[in-house]
Amino acid sequence: FRSDPARNAGPTPPYAVIQSDVNDGVAYYDALDANLSHRSAHGSSVLASYTWSHAIDTVDPDVPSQNPNDPRNAVEAERGNATYDQRNRLVLSGVYAAPWGITAGGIASLSSGLPYNVVTGVTNSGDTGATTDRPVVNGAVLGRNTGRGTAIYSVDPFIGKRITLTEWVHANLRAEAFNVLNHRNTVGFSGTWGNGATPGNGFGAPLAGVTNQLPAREMQFSAQIEF
């Protein structure tokens, strides 16, 4: 890349971002899984699953605000939490076989919040095509994806009944709900810190838009004829 001294007398050539593709990204995933289940003779069952995990990588492809803080040191300096790093996840599920052909149950999931990148929102490095420089806090550049969102949980119950119409024909009726408590599960947060020693207004606030929220309460009903 050559600068034109007649148009740029300064020491830095007037360019924004030079795009390059290299295969030097790394990723690690460690986890502990525990499961506890019970099944009764009458068809009822319950399952509890817990996962502790830590996902670490040096780049999250196709994710906004993920350009390296320093393109000249895009490996070790970028090692941090992956955007999908979810440290704790507990899932409870079960089915109760009630009399008269009724079954009831559901799934409840409780998870830690997801990380997000903390950036200054301005171009300190001079690469005008990206504003992903990370702020300096307590004398050090913040690590990648050091922000952490709020907990995510959902309760999804169902109830169903099997009806015998004839010896060979049966009807299956089912009603179910997803996120029945209508909990606001936010996955997008403002990571704009600014250039100060303390975060600016709006830092850490939930972002608007459907892509930053998991679905709200949903309900559905179904009827099935079996023959």
Protein backbone atom coordinates (compact mmCIF):
# COMPACT_ATOMS: atom_id res chain seq x y z
CA PHE A 1 0.00 0.00 0.00
CA ARG A 2 1.51 3.34 -1.08
CA SER A 3 0.60 6.80 0.17
CA ASP A 4 0.55 9.88 -2.08
CA PRO A 5 2.80 12.47 -0.34
CA ALA A 6 1.33 15.30 -2.42
CA ARG A 7 -2.14 14.66 -0.97
CA ASN A 8 -1.17 13.39 2.47
CA ALA A 9 1.74 15.04 4.20
CA GLY A 10 1.13 13.25 7.51
CA PRO A 11 2.82 10.03 8.66
CA THR A 12 -0.34 7.93 8.35
CA PRO A 13 -1.69 6.98 4.90
CA PRO A 14 -5.35 7.95 4.39
CA TYR A 15 -6.93 4.50 4.40
CA ALA A 16 -9.77 3.06 6.46
CA VAL A 17 -9.77 -0.74 6.71
CA ILE A 18 -7.76 -3.28 4.76
CA GLN A 19 -9.71 -6.54 4.76
CA SER A 20 -7.78 -9.79 5.08
CA ASP A 21 -8.84 -13.39 5.69
CA VAL A 22 -6.55 -15.60 7.75
CA ASN A 23 -6.94 -18.94 9.50
CA ASP A 24 -5.53 -18.05 12.90
CA GLY A 25 -8.68 -18.07 15.03
CA VAL A 26 -8.89 -20.53 17.92
CA ALA A 27 -11.73 -21.72 20.13
CA TYR A 28 -12.01 -23.74 23.34
CA TYR A 29 -14.98 -25.27 25.11
CA ASP A 30 -14.97 -26.99 28.51
CA ALA A 31 -18.09 -28.26 30.22
CA LEU A 32 -19.42 -30.32 33.09
CA ASP A 33 -22.75 -32.10 32.49
CA ALA A 34 -24.93 -33.69 35.15
CA ASN A 35 -28.24 -35.48 34.59
CA LEU A 36 -30.77 -36.92 37.01
CA SER A 37 -33.81 -38.81 35.73
CA HIS A 38 -36.66 -40.89 37.08
CA ARG A 39 -39.36 -42.87 35.30
CA SER A 40 -42.37 -44.40 37.01
CA ALA A 41 -44.16 -47.59 36.09
CA HIS A 42 -47.28 -45.60 35.16
CA GLY A 43 -45.55 -43.63 32.38
CA SER A 44 -44.65 -40.46 34.28
CA SER A 45 -41.05 -39.23 34.05
CA VAL A 46 -38.85 -36.34 35.12
CA LEU A 47 -35.40 -35.24 33.97
CA ALA A 48 -33.08 -32.60 35.44
CA SER A 49 -30.02 -31.54 33.43
CA TYR A 50 -27.36 -29.06 34.49
CA THR A 51 -24.40 -27.80 32.46
CA TRP A 52 -21.53 -25.62 33.60
CA SER A 53 -19.41 -24.53 30.66
CA HIS A 54 -16.97 -21.92 29.42
CA ALA A 55 -16.58 -21.11 25.73
CA ILE A 56 -13.48 -19.09 24.76
CA ASP A 57 -12.36 -17.96 21.33
CA THR A 58 -10.40 -15.22 19.60
CA VAL A 59 -13.02 -14.17 17.07
CA ASP A 60 -16.77 -14.47 16.56
CA PRO A 61 -17.40 -14.42 12.81
CA ASP A 62 -20.33 -12.46 11.38
CA VAL A 63 -21.01 -10.69 14.69
CA PRO A 64 -21.20 -6.86 14.84
CA SER A 65 -18.64 -4.97 16.96
CA GLN A 66 -16.14 -7.81 16.72
CA ASN A 67 -13.26 -6.24 14.80
CA PRO A 68 -10.01 -6.66 16.76
CA ASN A 69 -8.95 -3.85 19.05
CA ASP A 70 -5.48 -4.00 17.46
CA PRO A 71 -5.37 -5.76 14.05
CA ARG A 72 -1.62 -6.31 14.51
CA ASN A 73 -2.28 -8.49 17.56
CA ALA A 74 -5.46 -10.32 16.69
CA VAL A 75 -4.88 -13.59 18.55
CA GLU A 76 -3.74 -13.43 22.19
CA ALA A 77 -5.12 -9.94 22.80
CA GLU A 78 -8.50 -11.06 21.45
CA ARG A 79 -8.78 -14.24 23.52
CA GLY A 80 -11.95 -13.93 25.56
CA ASN A 81 -15.50 -15.13 26.12
CA ALA A 82 -17.32 -16.30 23.01
CA THR A 83 -20.63 -14.58 22.32
CA TYR A 84 -22.38 -17.91 22.98
CA ASP A 85 -20.60 -18.48 26.33
CA GLN A 86 -23.35 -19.47 28.77
CA ARG A 87 -21.78 -20.54 32.06
CA ASN A 88 -24.78 -22.12 33.75
CA ARG A 89 -27.81 -23.84 32.25
CA LEU A 90 -30.43 -25.86 34.13
CA VAL A 91 -33.25 -27.64 32.30
CA LEU A 92 -36.12 -29.40 34.07
CA SER A 93 -38.57 -31.46 32.06
CA GLY A 94 -41.23 -33.97 32.89
CA VAL A 95 -44.45 -35.71 31.92
CA TYR A 96 -47.23 -36.71 34.30
CA ALA A 97 -49.57 -39.49 33.15
CA ALA A 98 -52.87 -38.55 34.78
CA PRO A 99 -56.07 -40.62 34.74
CA TRP A 100 -58.60 -40.51 31.88
CA GLY A 101 -55.91 -40.32 29.20
CA ILE A 102 -54.62 -36.90 30.27
CA THR A 103 -50.91 -36.06 30.17
CA ALA A 104 -49.39 -32.87 31.52
CA GLY A 105 -45.87 -31.58 31.79
CA GLY A 106 -43.42 -29.22 30.21
CA ILE A 107 -39.90 -27.83 30.13
CA ALA A 108 -38.36 -25.11 32.29
CA SER A 109 -34.95 -23.72 31.39
CA LEU A 110 -32.82 -21.29 33.39
CA SER A 111 -29.58 -19.95 31.92
CA SER A 112 -26.90 -17.38 32.57
CA GLY A 113 -26.81 -14.24 30.46
CA LEU A 114 -24.75 -14.04 27.28
CA PRO A 115 -21.63 -11.86 26.84
CA TYR A 116 -21.40 -8.72 24.74
CA ASN A 117 -18.43 -6.66 23.62
CA VAL A 118 -17.61 -3.37 25.35
CA VAL A 119 -16.35 -0.70 22.93
CA THR A 120 -15.61 3.02 22.95
CA GLY A 121 -17.93 3.74 20.04
CA VAL A 122 -15.32 5.96 18.42
CA THR A 123 -12.27 5.32 16.26
CA ASN A 124 -9.26 5.79 18.51
CA SER A 125 -6.95 3.77 16.27
CA GLY A 126 -7.75 5.77 13.14
CA ASP A 127 -9.27 2.91 11.14
CA THR A 128 -12.38 4.85 10.21
CA GLY A 129 -14.24 1.82 8.97
CA ALA A 130 -14.70 0.35 12.46
CA THR A 131 -15.59 1.74 15.88
CA THR A 132 -14.77 -1.37 17.88
CA ASP A 133 -11.84 -0.05 19.92
CA ARG A 134 -12.21 -1.20 23.50
CA PRO A 135 -11.91 1.30 26.35
CA VAL A 136 -9.01 1.62 28.78
CA VAL A 137 -10.19 1.02 32.35
CA ASN A 138 -7.84 1.13 35.35
CA GLY A 139 -4.87 1.45 33.02
CA ALA A 140 -5.61 -1.61 30.87
CA VAL A 141 -7.61 -2.28 27.71
CA LEU A 142 -10.79 -4.21 28.51
CA GLY A 143 -10.86 -7.77 27.30
CA ARG A 144 -13.14 -8.93 24.53
CA ASN A 145 -16.77 -9.69 25.40
CA THR A 146 -16.40 -8.68 29.05
CA GLY A 147 -19.99 -7.42 29.28
CA ARG A 148 -22.57 -9.91 30.56
CA GLY A 149 -26.30 -9.83 29.93
CA THR A 150 -29.16 -10.76 32.22
CA ALA A 151 -30.35 -14.26 33.01
CA ILE A 152 -32.53 -16.09 30.48
CA TYR A 153 -35.34 -18.39 31.51
CA SER A 154 -38.49 -19.86 30.05
CA VAL A 155 -41.33 -22.10 31.26
CA ASP A 156 -43.09 -24.13 28.56
CA PRO A 157 -46.02 -26.23 29.87
CA PHE A 158 -48.42 -28.47 27.98
CA ILE A 159 -51.51 -30.56 28.60
CA GLY A 160 -52.99 -33.20 26.34
CA LYS A 161 -55.73 -35.79 26.22
CA ARG A 162 -56.18 -38.89 24.11
CA ILE A 163 -59.80 -39.69 23.21
CA THR A 164 -60.97 -43.02 21.83
CA LEU A 165 -63.55 -42.49 19.10
CA THR A 166 -63.75 -46.07 17.84
CA GLU A 167 -61.64 -49.15 18.27
CA TRP A 168 -59.38 -47.96 15.43
CA VAL A 169 -59.75 -44.19 15.58
CA HIS A 170 -58.36 -41.89 18.28
CA ALA A 171 -58.16 -38.11 18.72
CA ASN A 172 -55.20 -36.39 20.37
CA LEU A 173 -55.92 -32.93 21.79
CA ARG A 174 -53.03 -30.76 23.00
CA ALA A 175 -52.55 -27.24 24.35
CA GLU A 176 -49.10 -25.82 25.02
CA ALA A 177 -47.42 -22.53 25.77
CA PHE A 178 -43.90 -21.21 25.32
CA ASN A 179 -42.47 -18.66 27.75
CA VAL A 180 -45.80 -18.78 29.54
CA LEU A 181 -44.56 -16.28 32.17
CA ASN A 182 -43.78 -13.84 29.34
CA HIS A 183 -40.34 -13.14 30.78
CA ARG A 184 -38.35 -10.58 28.80
CA ASN A 185 -35.31 -12.55 27.64
CA THR A 186 -32.91 -9.95 26.28
CA VAL A 187 -29.86 -11.05 24.27
CA GLY A 188 -28.74 -7.66 22.93
CA PHE A 189 -27.26 -4.92 25.13
CA SER A 190 -25.55 -1.62 24.46
CA GLY A 191 -21.80 -2.10 24.86
CA THR A 192 -20.83 1.53 24.13
CA TRP A 193 -18.70 2.60 27.09
CA GLY A 194 -17.12 5.73 25.68
CA ASN A 195 -13.59 6.99 26.27
CA GLY A 196 -13.98 7.89 29.94
CA ALA A 197 -12.90 6.04 33.05
CA THR A 198 -16.55 5.31 33.81
CA PRO A 199 -19.27 4.17 31.39
CA GLY A 200 -21.39 6.70 29.57
CA ASN A 201 -25.16 7.01 29.60
CA GLY A 202 -27.00 4.02 28.23
CA PHE A 203 -24.17 1.54 28.70
CA GLY A 204 -25.53 -1.93 29.43
CA ALA A 205 -29.10 -0.99 28.50
CA PRO A 206 -31.21 -3.54 26.58
CA LEU A 207 -31.38 -2.91 22.85
CA ALA A 208 -34.70 -2.65 21.04
CA GLY A 209 -35.78 -4.80 18.12
CA VAL A 210 -36.84 -8.40 17.63
CA THR A 211 -33.28 -9.56 16.97
CA ASN A 212 -32.28 -8.48 20.50
CA GLN A 213 -35.12 -10.30 22.27
CA LEU A 214 -36.09 -13.94 22.44
CA PRO A 215 -39.76 -14.65 21.64
CA ALA A 216 -42.46 -13.48 24.04
CA ARG A 217 -45.31 -15.70 25.22
CA GLU A 218 -46.73 -18.00 22.56
CA MET A 219 -49.64 -20.43 22.80
CA GLN A 220 -50.84 -23.08 20.42
CA PHE A 221 -53.55 -25.72 20.25
CA SER A 222 -53.68 -28.84 18.11
CA ALA A 223 -56.03 -31.68 17.30
CA GLN A 224 -54.86 -34.88 15.66
CA ILE A 225 -56.86 -37.81 14.32
CA GLU A 226 -55.08 -41.15 14.55
CA PHE A 227 -56.36 -44.22 12.73
